[in-house]
Amino acid sequence: MGTKTLPYALTELSRVKALLGFDNGNFDVILTNEINSVTEYLNQECDRNFLMQKYISEVRSQWGVRQKYIVLRNAPVFYQTDIVTTVGGSDQITISNPNGVVAGMPISGDCIASNTVISQITGSVVTLSNPATGSSTSAHIFISGLLNVQYRAGTPDNPSWTSFIPTQFELESNGKAGIVRIYGYISSIYNNTIKADYWAGWLISWADAGDNLKHTLPMDITRTAENLVIRAFKRREQAGKTSQSLEGSTITYKDDLDAIDIDVINRYRRVPPIM
């Protein structure tokens, strides 16, 4: 069985081969291994997972009763707006983009009852946990990947978790930075007092690359991944060397990362929250 690229790989084999000008499979295994290695490196270096996935029971700390913002470990938190048709008493609506939408996500907006979540999605048809409260041909709705936020009473070894009601928290900037605004009361206990369940990251589907509804991974991080893969491939026989003498001249190898690659990595690096 041949080596396979990771399901969350930040680039694909055919793209790297095209950049190198290859049309054969002589180096497929080497390149696939490099793609996987670079993907893991960038995930760890940026302290985030780029592929959208679900995070359960992520515990955060707050450092005072006046703190109103909680920074999640991963971003962007899934968030989608749409204009749909609702029928009063019906528990079904049709959304324009079902990609990334899963059962359990909260949904709010015009003609949507409070505390409603998506109970099922089939194609573009969404089944709501509560029927629509009214009929509209232009209802604005909001689907959130922030599933639940809780605060802790009790002690760390004997906690008692209570959910904020949906109107007591919201995503800042449509989830892009992974910051949650808390409107409810936060306990004066400081450490490990907030817990969240959420979906965060980007959609990765290389079969649909170029379709920004199905593949949302930013292209600059893909370009950086490809730069690192190609550099590692071309320097695979010079591992550990900083320079090489040849016929009286010296070739000095560049650093592993170009300035533009460092800039991209710094833009996506998650900074551990200190507040």
Protein backbone atom coordinates (compact mmCIF):
# COMPACT_ATOMS: atom_id res chain seq x y z
CA MET A 1 0.00 0.00 0.00
CA GLY A 2 1.41 3.38 -1.00
CA THR A 3 1.86 6.34 1.31
CA LYS A 4 -1.19 8.61 1.44
CA THR A 5 -1.47 12.30 2.17
CA LEU A 6 -3.12 13.20 5.44
CA PRO A 7 -6.84 14.06 5.21
CA TYR A 8 -5.97 17.52 6.56
CA ALA A 9 -2.94 18.06 4.29
CA LEU A 10 -2.31 21.72 3.46
CA THR A 11 -1.53 20.97 -0.18
CA GLU A 12 -1.85 18.01 -2.52
CA LEU A 13 0.58 15.89 -4.51
CA SER A 14 -0.56 17.01 -7.96
CA ARG A 15 -0.04 20.69 -7.08
CA VAL A 16 3.51 20.09 -5.83
CA LYS A 17 4.39 17.97 -8.87
CA ALA A 18 3.08 20.68 -11.18
CA LEU A 19 5.30 23.26 -9.46
CA LEU A 20 8.30 20.95 -9.83
CA GLY A 21 7.45 20.13 -13.44
CA PHE A 22 7.01 16.38 -12.84
CA ASP A 23 4.59 14.26 -14.85
CA ASN A 24 5.61 10.85 -13.49
CA GLY A 25 5.31 9.06 -10.17
CA ASN A 26 9.02 8.51 -9.49
CA PHE A 27 9.05 10.75 -6.43
CA ASP A 28 5.44 10.39 -5.24
CA VAL A 29 6.31 8.67 -1.98
CA ILE A 30 9.02 11.19 -1.09
CA LEU A 31 6.79 14.15 -1.91
CA THR A 32 3.81 12.69 -0.05
CA ASN A 33 5.94 12.19 3.05
CA GLU A 34 7.17 15.77 2.79
CA ILE A 35 3.59 17.09 2.42
CA ASN A 36 2.56 15.22 5.56
CA SER A 37 5.62 16.39 7.46
CA VAL A 38 5.13 20.03 6.48
CA THR A 39 1.43 19.86 7.35
CA GLU A 40 2.21 18.62 10.85
CA TYR A 41 4.94 21.23 11.23
CA LEU A 42 2.64 24.13 10.30
CA ASN A 43 -0.17 22.86 12.53
CA GLN A 44 2.21 22.73 15.49
CA GLU A 45 4.07 25.94 14.65
CA CYS A 46 0.81 27.88 14.38
CA ASP A 47 -0.65 26.06 17.42
CA ARG A 48 -3.87 25.32 15.57
CA ASN A 49 -5.53 22.73 13.35
CA PHE A 50 -6.41 24.18 9.96
CA LEU A 51 -9.04 21.55 9.10
CA MET A 52 -12.47 22.35 10.52
CA GLN A 53 -13.30 19.99 13.36
CA LYS A 54 -15.26 19.79 16.58
CA TYR A 55 -13.75 20.70 19.95
CA ILE A 56 -15.44 19.39 23.07
CA SER A 57 -15.12 20.61 26.66
CA GLU A 58 -12.32 23.10 26.02
CA VAL A 59 -11.64 24.71 29.36
CA ARG A 60 -10.43 28.31 29.59
CA SER A 61 -9.55 30.57 32.48
CA GLN A 62 -10.72 34.08 33.24
CA TRP A 63 -8.84 36.46 35.47
CA GLY A 64 -11.48 38.69 36.99
CA VAL A 65 -15.21 39.23 37.23
CA ARG A 66 -15.05 42.12 34.77
CA GLN A 67 -13.47 40.10 31.98
CA LYS A 68 -15.97 39.74 29.15
CA TYR A 69 -13.92 38.11 26.38
CA ILE A 70 -12.76 34.50 26.19
CA VAL A 71 -10.17 33.48 23.56
CA LEU A 72 -10.66 29.95 22.23
CA ARG A 73 -7.69 27.83 21.25
CA ASN A 74 -8.79 27.41 17.63
CA ALA A 75 -10.21 29.71 14.97
CA PRO A 76 -12.04 30.64 12.87
CA VAL A 77 -15.16 29.38 14.62
CA PHE A 78 -17.72 28.36 12.00
CA TYR A 79 -20.26 31.09 11.29
CA GLN A 80 -22.64 31.46 8.37
CA THR A 81 -25.41 33.85 7.41
CA ASP A 82 -28.15 33.23 4.88
CA ILE A 83 -31.50 34.50 3.60
CA VAL A 84 -34.12 31.75 3.54
CA THR A 85 -37.83 31.13 3.22
CA THR A 86 -39.63 30.09 6.39
CA VAL A 87 -43.15 28.73 6.81
CA GLY A 88 -44.83 29.21 10.15
CA GLY A 89 -45.20 25.89 11.96
CA SER A 90 -42.75 24.09 9.65
CA ASP A 91 -39.50 22.71 11.00
CA GLN A 92 -37.68 22.75 7.66
CA ILE A 93 -35.83 25.41 5.70
CA THR A 94 -33.52 25.28 2.68
CA ILE A 95 -30.14 26.99 2.97
CA SER A 96 -27.94 28.09 0.08
CA ASN A 97 -24.66 26.58 1.32
CA PRO A 98 -24.75 23.38 3.40
CA ASN A 99 -20.97 22.88 3.43
CA GLY A 100 -19.69 22.74 6.99
CA VAL A 101 -23.17 22.83 8.53
CA VAL A 102 -23.80 19.90 10.88
CA ALA A 103 -26.48 18.78 13.28
CA GLY A 104 -26.27 20.40 16.69
CA MET A 105 -25.27 23.86 15.47
CA PRO A 106 -27.36 26.70 16.95
CA ILE A 107 -29.45 28.66 14.46
CA SER A 108 -31.10 32.02 15.09
CA GLY A 109 -32.66 34.87 13.17
CA ASP A 110 -35.97 35.97 11.70
CA CYS A 111 -38.88 33.59 12.41
CA ILE A 112 -36.54 31.22 14.28
CA ALA A 113 -37.60 30.28 17.82
CA SER A 114 -35.14 30.87 20.64
CA ASN A 115 -32.88 27.97 21.65
CA THR A 116 -33.23 26.35 18.22
CA VAL A 117 -30.54 24.07 16.87
CA ILE A 118 -30.15 22.11 13.66
CA SER A 119 -31.42 18.61 14.36
CA GLN A 120 -30.73 17.21 10.89
CA ILE A 121 -29.37 18.31 7.52
CA THR A 122 -29.97 16.45 4.27
CA GLY A 123 -28.42 18.12 1.25
CA SER A 124 -29.48 21.75 1.60
CA VAL A 125 -32.60 20.98 3.64
CA VAL A 126 -32.24 21.78 7.33
CA THR A 127 -34.56 20.35 9.97
CA LEU A 128 -34.95 22.61 12.99
CA SER A 129 -35.41 21.50 16.58
CA ASN A 130 -38.30 23.98 16.85
CA PRO A 131 -40.76 24.95 14.10
CA ALA A 132 -40.52 28.40 12.54
CA THR A 133 -42.52 31.05 14.38
CA GLY A 134 -43.69 32.77 11.21
CA SER A 135 -43.60 32.85 7.43
CA SER A 136 -41.16 34.94 5.42
CA THR A 137 -39.55 34.82 1.99
CA SER A 138 -36.54 36.81 3.19
CA ALA A 139 -35.72 35.63 6.68
CA HIS A 140 -32.17 36.41 7.78
CA ILE A 141 -30.65 33.49 9.69
CA PHE A 142 -27.37 32.89 11.47
CA ILE A 143 -25.75 29.46 11.93
CA SER A 144 -23.02 29.24 14.55
CA GLY A 145 -20.32 26.71 15.28
CA LEU A 146 -20.25 27.85 18.91
CA LEU A 147 -22.38 25.09 20.38
CA ASN A 148 -22.26 25.72 24.08
CA VAL A 149 -20.56 27.91 26.69
CA GLN A 150 -20.61 27.02 30.39
CA TYR A 151 -19.31 28.49 33.62
CA ARG A 152 -18.06 26.58 36.62
CA ALA A 153 -19.17 26.70 40.20
CA GLY A 154 -17.68 24.47 42.83
CA THR A 155 -14.03 23.47 42.95
CA PRO A 156 -11.73 22.10 40.22
CA ASP A 157 -11.94 18.59 41.68
CA ASN A 158 -15.71 18.83 42.19
CA PRO A 159 -17.02 21.17 39.49
CA SER A 160 -20.61 22.09 38.72
CA TRP A 161 -21.02 23.32 35.14
CA THR A 162 -23.95 25.53 34.12
CA SER A 163 -24.69 26.59 30.54
CA PHE A 164 -25.06 30.22 29.67
CA ILE A 165 -28.31 30.84 27.84
CA PRO A 166 -27.74 31.68 24.14
CA THR A 167 -28.43 35.39 24.62
CA GLN A 168 -25.59 35.61 27.17
CA PHE A 169 -22.75 34.97 24.71
CA GLU A 170 -21.87 35.57 21.07
CA LEU A 171 -18.96 35.32 18.64
CA GLU A 172 -16.95 38.44 17.96
CA SER A 173 -16.27 39.36 14.30
CA ASN A 174 -18.27 36.38 13.03
CA GLY A 175 -15.91 33.94 14.70
CA LYS A 176 -12.80 34.90 12.71
CA ALA A 177 -10.55 35.39 15.73
CA GLY A 178 -12.10 32.71 17.93
CA ILE A 179 -13.16 35.26 20.56
CA VAL A 180 -16.36 34.85 22.57
CA ARG A 181 -18.11 37.85 24.12
CA ILE A 182 -19.72 36.93 27.43
CA TYR A 183 -22.74 38.95 28.56
CA GLY A 184 -23.68 36.70 31.47
CA TYR A 185 -22.17 36.79 34.94
CA ILE A 186 -18.73 35.22 35.27
CA SER A 187 -17.74 33.68 38.58
CA SER A 188 -14.94 35.28 40.56
CA ILE A 189 -13.16 31.90 40.63
CA TYR A 190 -10.24 32.47 38.29
CA ASN A 191 -8.80 29.24 36.92
CA ASN A 192 -10.56 26.89 34.50
CA THR A 193 -13.97 28.49 34.92
CA ILE A 194 -15.24 28.58 31.32
CA LYS A 195 -15.91 25.59 29.09
CA ALA A 196 -16.88 25.66 25.42
CA ASP A 197 -17.92 23.24 22.68
CA TYR A 198 -17.44 24.51 19.13
CA TRP A 199 -16.52 23.85 15.49
CA ALA A 200 -13.48 25.72 14.14
CA GLY A 201 -11.12 25.66 11.18
CA TRP A 202 -11.45 25.70 7.40
CA LEU A 203 -12.99 23.26 4.94
CA ILE A 204 -10.34 21.27 3.05
CA SER A 205 -11.40 19.44 -0.10
CA TRP A 206 -8.69 19.34 -2.76
CA ALA A 207 -11.13 17.84 -5.27
CA ASP A 208 -13.05 21.14 -4.95
CA ALA A 209 -10.10 23.54 -4.80
CA GLY A 210 -11.19 26.84 -6.30
CA ASP A 211 -14.77 26.44 -5.07
CA ASN A 212 -14.88 28.81 -2.08
CA LEU A 213 -18.04 27.15 -0.79
CA LYS A 214 -16.41 23.73 -0.42
CA HIS A 215 -12.71 24.49 0.03
CA THR A 216 -12.05 27.48 2.27
CA LEU A 217 -8.42 26.88 3.29
CA PRO A 218 -6.52 30.17 2.73
CA MET A 219 -4.23 29.99 -0.28
CA ASP A 220 -1.34 31.77 1.43
CA ILE A 221 -0.88 28.94 3.94
CA THR A 222 -1.05 26.46 1.05
CA ARG A 223 1.62 28.41 -0.80
CA THR A 224 3.84 28.36 2.28
CA ALA A 225 3.32 24.61 2.66
CA GLU A 226 4.32 24.11 -0.98
CA ASN A 227 7.41 26.29 -0.57
CA LEU A 228 8.56 24.17 2.36
CA VAL A 229 7.82 20.88 0.59
CA ILE A 230 9.76 21.89 -2.52
CA ARG A 231 12.68 23.20 -0.49
CA ALA A 232 12.87 20.00 1.56
CA PHE A 233 12.65 17.89 -1.58
CA LYS A 234 15.44 19.75 -3.35
CA ARG A 235 17.70 19.70 -0.29
CA ARG A 236 17.04 16.09 0.72
CA GLU A 237 20.63 15.06 -0.13
CA GLN A 238 22.16 18.06 1.65
CA ALA A 239 20.51 17.57 5.04
CA GLY A 240 22.53 19.32 7.75
CA LYS A 241 24.75 21.23 5.31
CA THR A 242 24.94 25.02 5.41
CA SER A 243 27.27 25.36 2.43
CA GLN A 244 29.13 23.32 -0.15
CA SER A 245 32.36 23.93 -2.08
CA LEU A 246 32.45 23.08 -5.76
CA GLU A 247 35.36 23.75 -8.14
CA GLY A 248 36.74 26.61 -6.08
CA SER A 249 33.38 28.27 -5.38
CA THR A 250 31.14 28.02 -2.32
CA ILE A 251 27.36 27.64 -2.40
CA THR A 252 25.66 28.88 0.75
CA TYR A 253 22.20 27.46 1.44
CA LYS A 254 19.40 29.81 2.44
CA ASP A 255 17.57 29.46 5.71
CA ASP A 256 14.75 26.94 5.88
CA LEU A 257 12.14 29.71 5.79
CA ASP A 258 11.90 32.74 3.52
CA ALA A 259 10.75 36.04 4.98
CA ILE A 260 7.39 35.71 3.21
CA ASP A 261 6.88 32.24 4.72
CA ILE A 262 7.70 33.55 8.19
CA ASP A 263 5.22 36.39 7.68
CA VAL A 264 2.43 33.97 6.72
CA ILE A 265 3.14 31.67 9.66
CA ASN A 266 3.09 34.61 12.06
CA ARG A 267 -0.28 35.72 10.71
CA TYR A 268 -1.82 32.33 11.49
CA ARG A 269 -0.02 31.67 14.76
CA ARG A 270 -2.40 31.34 17.72
CA VAL A 271 -1.04 33.32 20.64
CA PRO A 272 -1.78 31.70 24.02
CA PRO A 273 -4.22 34.00 25.81
CA ILE A 274 -2.94 35.66 28.96
CA MET A 275 -6.04 37.61 29.89
